[in-house]
C-alpha atoms as a PDB file:
ATOM      1  CA  UNK A   1      28.289 -24.484  10.724  1.00  0.00           C
ATOM      2  CA  UNK A   2      25.569 -26.958   9.865  1.00  0.00           C
ATOM      3  CA  UNK A   3      22.054 -26.123   8.901  1.00  0.00           C
ATOM      4  CA  UNK A   4      19.387 -28.046  10.716  1.00  0.00           C
ATOM      5  CA  UNK A   5      16.674 -29.256   8.353  1.00  0.00           C
ATOM      6  CA  UNK A   6      14.029 -28.616  10.973  1.00  0.00           C
ATOM      7  CA  UNK A   7      15.072 -24.981  11.537  1.00  0.00           C
ATOM      8  CA  UNK A   8      12.557 -22.505  10.144  1.00  0.00           C
ATOM      9  CA  UNK A   9      13.353 -20.744   6.899  1.00  0.00           C
ATOM     10  CA  UNK A  10      13.267 -16.974   7.674  1.00  0.00           C
ATOM     11  CA  UNK A  11      12.139 -16.094   4.153  1.00  0.00           C
ATOM     12  CA  UNK A  12       9.321 -18.597   4.259  1.00  0.00           C
ATOM     13  CA  UNK A  13       8.259 -17.391   7.713  1.00  0.00           C
ATOM     14  CA  UNK A  14       8.225 -13.824   6.436  1.00  0.00           C
ATOM     15  CA  UNK A  15       6.118 -14.781   3.414  1.00  0.00           C
ATOM     16  CA  UNK A  16       3.729 -16.777   5.577  1.00  0.00           C
ATOM     17  CA  UNK A  17       3.296 -13.805   7.888  1.00  0.00           C
ATOM     18  CA  UNK A  18       2.314 -11.494   5.017  1.00  0.00           C
ATOM     19  CA  UNK A  19       0.061 -14.058   3.354  1.00  0.00           C
ATOM     20  CA  UNK A  20      -1.995 -15.026   6.412  1.00  0.00           C
ATOM     21  CA  UNK A  21      -4.691 -12.804   7.775  1.00  0.00           C
ATOM     22  CA  UNK A  22      -3.630 -11.383  11.175  1.00  0.00           C
ATOM     23  CA  UNK A  23      -5.398 -12.735  14.232  1.00  0.00           C
ATOM     24  CA  UNK A  24      -5.734  -9.414  16.074  1.00  0.00           C
ATOM     25  CA  UNK A  25      -7.720  -6.361  15.093  1.00  0.00           C
ATOM     26  CA  UNK A  26      -4.939  -4.124  16.390  1.00  0.00           C
ATOM     27  CA  UNK A  27      -3.052  -4.894  13.167  1.00  0.00           C
ATOM     28  CA  UNK A  28      -5.504  -2.502  11.458  1.00  0.00           C
ATOM     29  CA  UNK A  29      -3.203   0.232  12.750  1.00  0.00           C
ATOM     30  CA  UNK A  30      -0.639  -0.714  10.098  1.00  0.00           C
ATOM     31  CA  UNK A  31      -2.733   0.132   6.994  1.00  0.00           C
ATOM     32  CA  UNK A  32      -4.294   3.111   8.794  1.00  0.00           C
ATOM     33  CA  UNK A  33      -0.898   4.551   9.746  1.00  0.00           C
ATOM     34  CA  UNK A  34       0.299   3.947   6.200  1.00  0.00           C
ATOM     35  CA  UNK A  35      -2.703   5.954   4.930  1.00  0.00           C
ATOM     36  CA  UNK A  36      -1.685   8.827   7.216  1.00  0.00           C
ATOM     37  CA  UNK A  37       1.858   8.576   5.853  1.00  0.00           C
ATOM     38  CA  UNK A  38       0.486   8.701   2.287  1.00  0.00           C
ATOM     39  CA  UNK A  39      -1.672  11.696   3.127  1.00  0.00           C
ATOM     40  CA  UNK A  40       1.343  13.538   4.511  1.00  0.00           C
ATOM     41  CA  UNK A  41       3.493  12.587   1.536  1.00  0.00           C
ATOM     42  CA  UNK A  42       0.957  13.402  -1.178  1.00  0.00           C
ATOM     43  CA  UNK A  43      -0.685  16.308   0.629  1.00  0.00           C
ATOM     44  CA  UNK A  44       2.476  18.296   1.135  1.00  0.00           C
ATOM     45  CA  UNK A  45       2.356  21.661  -0.644  1.00  0.00           C
ATOM     46  CA  UNK A  46       5.105  22.624  -3.054  1.00  0.00           C
ATOM     47  CA  UNK A  47       7.984  24.627  -1.553  1.00  0.00           C
ATOM     48  CA  UNK A  48       6.556  27.899  -2.904  1.00  0.00           C
ATOM     49  CA  UNK A  49       3.301  27.267  -1.034  1.00  0.00           C
ATOM     50  CA  UNK A  50       5.149  26.451   2.173  1.00  0.00           C
ATOM     51  CA  UNK A  51       7.224  29.634   1.938  1.00  0.00           C
ATOM     52  CA  UNK A  52       3.991  31.673   1.859  1.00  0.00           C
ATOM     53  CA  UNK A  53       3.037  30.146   5.225  1.00  0.00           C
ATOM     54  CA  UNK A  54       6.506  30.580   6.739  1.00  0.00           C
ATOM     55  CA  UNK A  55       6.795  26.811   7.281  1.00  0.00           C
ATOM     56  CA  UNK A  56       9.510  25.161   9.346  1.00  0.00           C
ATOM     57  CA  UNK A  57      12.832  24.697   7.520  1.00  0.00           C
ATOM     58  CA  UNK A  58      12.715  20.897   7.887  1.00  0.00           C
ATOM     59  CA  UNK A  59       9.306  20.713   6.211  1.00  0.00           C
ATOM     60  CA  UNK A  60      10.466  23.092   3.508  1.00  0.00           C
ATOM     61  CA  UNK A  61      13.589  21.044   2.717  1.00  0.00           C
ATOM     62  CA  UNK A  62      11.537  17.829   2.679  1.00  0.00           C
ATOM     63  CA  UNK A  63       9.116  19.393   0.200  1.00  0.00           C
ATOM     64  CA  UNK A  64      12.013  20.573  -1.968  1.00  0.00           C
ATOM     65  CA  UNK A  65      13.396  17.017  -2.032  1.00  0.00           C
ATOM     66  CA  UNK A  66      10.062  15.520  -3.068  1.00  0.00           C
ATOM     67  CA  UNK A  67       9.367  18.036  -5.820  1.00  0.00           C
ATOM     68  CA  UNK A  68      12.939  17.973  -7.128  1.00  0.00           C
ATOM     69  CA  UNK A  69      12.174  14.768  -9.047  1.00  0.00           C
ATOM     70  CA  UNK A  70      10.872  14.918 -12.626  1.00  0.00           C
ATOM     71  CA  UNK A  71       7.091  15.155 -12.934  1.00  0.00           C
ATOM     72  CA  UNK A  72       6.787  11.754 -14.638  1.00  0.00           C
ATOM     73  CA  UNK A  73       8.689  10.091 -11.785  1.00  0.00           C
ATOM     74  CA  UNK A  74       6.376  11.727  -9.234  1.00  0.00           C
ATOM     75  CA  UNK A  75       3.392  10.272 -11.126  1.00  0.00           C
ATOM     76  CA  UNK A  76       5.041   6.874 -11.368  1.00  0.00           C
ATOM     77  CA  UNK A  77       5.675   6.844  -7.615  1.00  0.00           C
ATOM     78  CA  UNK A  78       1.923   6.481  -7.025  1.00  0.00           C
ATOM     79  CA  UNK A  79       2.043   2.895  -8.302  1.00  0.00           C
ATOM     80  CA  UNK A  80       4.302   1.405  -5.591  1.00  0.00           C
ATOM     81  CA  UNK A  81       2.782   3.602  -2.866  1.00  0.00           C
ATOM     82  CA  UNK A  82      -0.737   2.344  -3.558  1.00  0.00           C
ATOM     83  CA  UNK A  83       0.479  -1.185  -4.240  1.00  0.00           C
ATOM     84  CA  UNK A  84       1.671  -1.284  -0.633  1.00  0.00           C
ATOM     85  CA  UNK A  85      -1.608   0.213   0.622  1.00  0.00           C
ATOM     86  CA  UNK A  86      -3.694  -2.411  -1.205  1.00  0.00           C
ATOM     87  CA  UNK A  87      -1.363  -5.170   0.016  1.00  0.00           C
ATOM     88  CA  UNK A  88      -1.739  -4.015   3.631  1.00  0.00           C
ATOM     89  CA  UNK A  89      -5.548  -3.864   3.434  1.00  0.00           C
ATOM     90  CA  UNK A  90      -5.703  -7.202   1.646  1.00  0.00           C
ATOM     91  CA  UNK A  91      -3.415  -8.704   4.282  1.00  0.00           C
ATOM     92  CA  UNK A  92      -5.556  -7.341   7.108  1.00  0.00           C
ATOM     93  CA  UNK A  93      -9.005  -8.003   5.604  1.00  0.00           C
ATOM     94  CA  UNK A  94      -8.190 -11.191   3.721  1.00  0.00           C
ATOM     95  CA  UNK A  95      -7.157 -11.820   0.121  1.00  0.00           C
ATOM     96  CA  UNK A  96      -9.454 -11.914  -2.871  1.00  0.00           C
ATOM     97  CA  UNK A  97     -10.565 -15.503  -3.415  1.00  0.00           C
ATOM     98  CA  UNK A  98     -12.000 -15.087  -6.903  1.00  0.00           C
ATOM     99  CA  UNK A  99     -11.209 -12.420  -9.465  1.00  0.00           C
ATOM    100  CA  UNK A 100     -14.941 -11.874 -10.034  1.00  0.00           C
ATOM    101  CA  UNK A 101     -15.306 -10.720  -6.414  1.00  0.00           C
ATOM    102  CA  UNK A 102     -12.844  -7.849  -6.906  1.00  0.00           C
ATOM    103  CA  UNK A 103     -15.509  -5.144  -7.013  1.00  0.00           C
ATOM    104  CA  UNK A 104     -17.094  -6.324  -3.770  1.00  0.00           C
ATOM    105  CA  UNK A 105     -13.778  -6.737  -1.979  1.00  0.00           C
ATOM    106  CA  UNK A 106     -13.318  -4.354   0.958  1.00  0.00           C
ATOM    107  CA  UNK A 107      -9.564  -4.032   0.450  1.00  0.00           C
ATOM    108  CA  UNK A 108     -10.158  -2.939  -3.137  1.00  0.00           C
ATOM    109  CA  UNK A 109     -12.832  -0.429  -2.156  1.00  0.00           C
ATOM    110  CA  UNK A 110     -10.821   1.016   0.738  1.00  0.00           C
ATOM    111  CA  UNK A 111      -7.608   1.350  -1.268  1.00  0.00           C
ATOM    112  CA  UNK A 112      -9.114   2.739  -4.455  1.00  0.00           C
ATOM    113  CA  UNK A 113     -11.572   4.935  -2.561  1.00  0.00           C
ATOM    114  CA  UNK A 114      -8.706   6.397  -0.596  1.00  0.00           C
ATOM    115  CA  UNK A 115      -6.704   6.910  -3.814  1.00  0.00           C
ATOM    116  CA  UNK A 116      -9.563   8.948  -5.296  1.00  0.00           C
ATOM    117  CA  UNK A 117     -10.146  10.836  -2.039  1.00  0.00           C
ATOM    118  CA  UNK A 118      -6.430  11.581  -1.817  1.00  0.00           C
ATOM    119  CA  UNK A 119      -6.460  13.203  -5.253  1.00  0.00           C
ATOM    120  CA  UNK A 120      -9.621  15.223  -4.526  1.00  0.00           C
ATOM    121  CA  UNK A 121      -8.040  16.663  -1.365  1.00  0.00           C
ATOM    122  CA  UNK A 122      -5.225  18.101  -3.481  1.00  0.00           C
ATOM    123  CA  UNK A 123      -7.704  20.618  -4.936  1.00  0.00           C
ATOM    124  CA  UNK A 124      -7.611  22.364  -1.535  1.00  0.00           C
ATOM    125  CA  UNK A 125      -3.819  22.336  -1.080  1.00  0.00           C
ATOM    126  CA  UNK A 126      -1.888  25.424  -2.261  1.00  0.00           C
ATOM    127  CA  UNK A 127       0.153  24.868  -5.419  1.00  0.00           C
ATOM    128  CA  UNK A 128      -1.372  21.361  -5.914  1.00  0.00           C
ATOM    129  CA  UNK A 129      -4.133  19.987  -8.138  1.00  0.00           C
ATOM    130  CA  UNK A 130      -5.971  16.682  -8.622  1.00  0.00           C
ATOM    131  CA  UNK A 131      -4.824  14.580 -11.550  1.00  0.00           C
ATOM    132  CA  UNK A 132      -6.574  11.819 -13.485  1.00  0.00           C
ATOM    133  CA  UNK A 133      -3.137  10.386 -14.292  1.00  0.00           C
ATOM    134  CA  UNK A 134      -2.442  10.031 -10.576  1.00  0.00           C
ATOM    135  CA  UNK A 135      -5.820   8.351 -10.040  1.00  0.00           C
ATOM    136  CA  UNK A 136      -4.982   5.913 -12.846  1.00  0.00           C
ATOM    137  CA  UNK A 137      -1.586   5.128 -11.280  1.00  0.00           C
ATOM    138  CA  UNK A 138      -3.261   4.724  -7.877  1.00  0.00           C
ATOM    139  CA  UNK A 139      -5.788   2.291  -9.384  1.00  0.00           C
ATOM    140  CA  UNK A 140      -3.065   0.343 -11.181  1.00  0.00           C
ATOM    141  CA  UNK A 141      -1.057   0.115  -7.964  1.00  0.00           C
ATOM    142  CA  UNK A 142      -4.141  -1.081  -6.051  1.00  0.00           C
ATOM    143  CA  UNK A 143      -4.933  -3.773  -8.615  1.00  0.00           C
ATOM    144  CA  UNK A 144      -1.321  -4.923  -8.762  1.00  0.00           C
ATOM    145  CA  UNK A 145      -1.056  -5.020  -4.953  1.00  0.00           C
ATOM    146  CA  UNK A 146      -4.235  -7.086  -4.628  1.00  0.00           C
ATOM    147  CA  UNK A 147      -3.132  -9.428  -7.397  1.00  0.00           C
ATOM    148  CA  UNK A 148       0.341  -9.982  -5.924  1.00  0.00           C
ATOM    149  CA  UNK A 149      -1.045 -10.582  -2.431  1.00  0.00           C
ATOM    150  CA  UNK A 150      -3.613 -13.018  -3.806  1.00  0.00           C
ATOM    151  CA  UNK A 151      -0.873 -14.786  -5.763  1.00  0.00           C
ATOM    152  CA  UNK A 152       1.299 -15.098  -2.660  1.00  0.00           C
ATOM    153  CA  UNK A 153      -1.635 -16.472  -0.660  1.00  0.00           C
ATOM    154  CA  UNK A 154      -2.359 -19.102  -3.306  1.00  0.00           C
ATOM    155  CA  UNK A 155       1.333 -20.038  -3.447  1.00  0.00           C
ATOM    156  CA  UNK A 156       1.571 -20.341   0.339  1.00  0.00           C
ATOM    157  CA  UNK A 157      -1.676 -22.331   0.465  1.00  0.00           C
ATOM    158  CA  UNK A 158      -0.218 -24.817  -2.038  1.00  0.00           C
ATOM    159  CA  UNK A 159       2.949 -25.219   0.050  1.00  0.00           C
ATOM    160  CA  UNK A 160       1.171 -26.106   3.269  1.00  0.00           C
ATOM    161  CA  UNK A 161       1.340 -29.762   4.109  1.00  0.00           C
ATOM    162  CA  UNK A 162      -1.979 -31.562   3.980  1.00  0.00           C
ATOM    163  CA  UNK A 163      -3.114 -32.753   7.384  1.00  0.00           C
ATOM    164  CA  UNK A 164      -2.869 -36.474   8.064  1.00  0.00           C
ATOM    165  CA  UNK A 165      -6.216 -38.223   7.920  1.00  0.00           C
ATOM    166  CA  UNK A 166      -7.299 -40.837  10.381  1.00  0.00           C
ATOM    167  CA  UNK A 167      -8.712 -43.948   8.774  1.00  0.00           C
END
């Protein structure tokens, strides 16, 4: 089997897809659906709370699986979860061009704002409580996600061939 030099590199195509801003607004469904997934995952009561409400067995076993992990690992899981959220918003809304524009960046505000909101909601969930440690891990995940997406965009921008000029 020979490899054609003109055949597209699947890895490069994949990276280009995630570094370029999508052309359709319907792609907003991806970060929004991911936020719903995060809300389900982080808003799930502990098994004891679900037993009080006579919850379905599937939901109860899922909750037992999530809360079976050590507490520090549950806190650490916020970093990759919010890294992905920030990446998705940055991908949809456009990457940060300059580091000084971070505070005015919509992806940053949406991701971090949701991370704070997500923790505040836990005050109303049985057997759960808001945590400043979780907010810190959410913020770190958001910053890391935005940085990595911005880095990928700059790398992909450098790899694009300059257009031929007419003289």
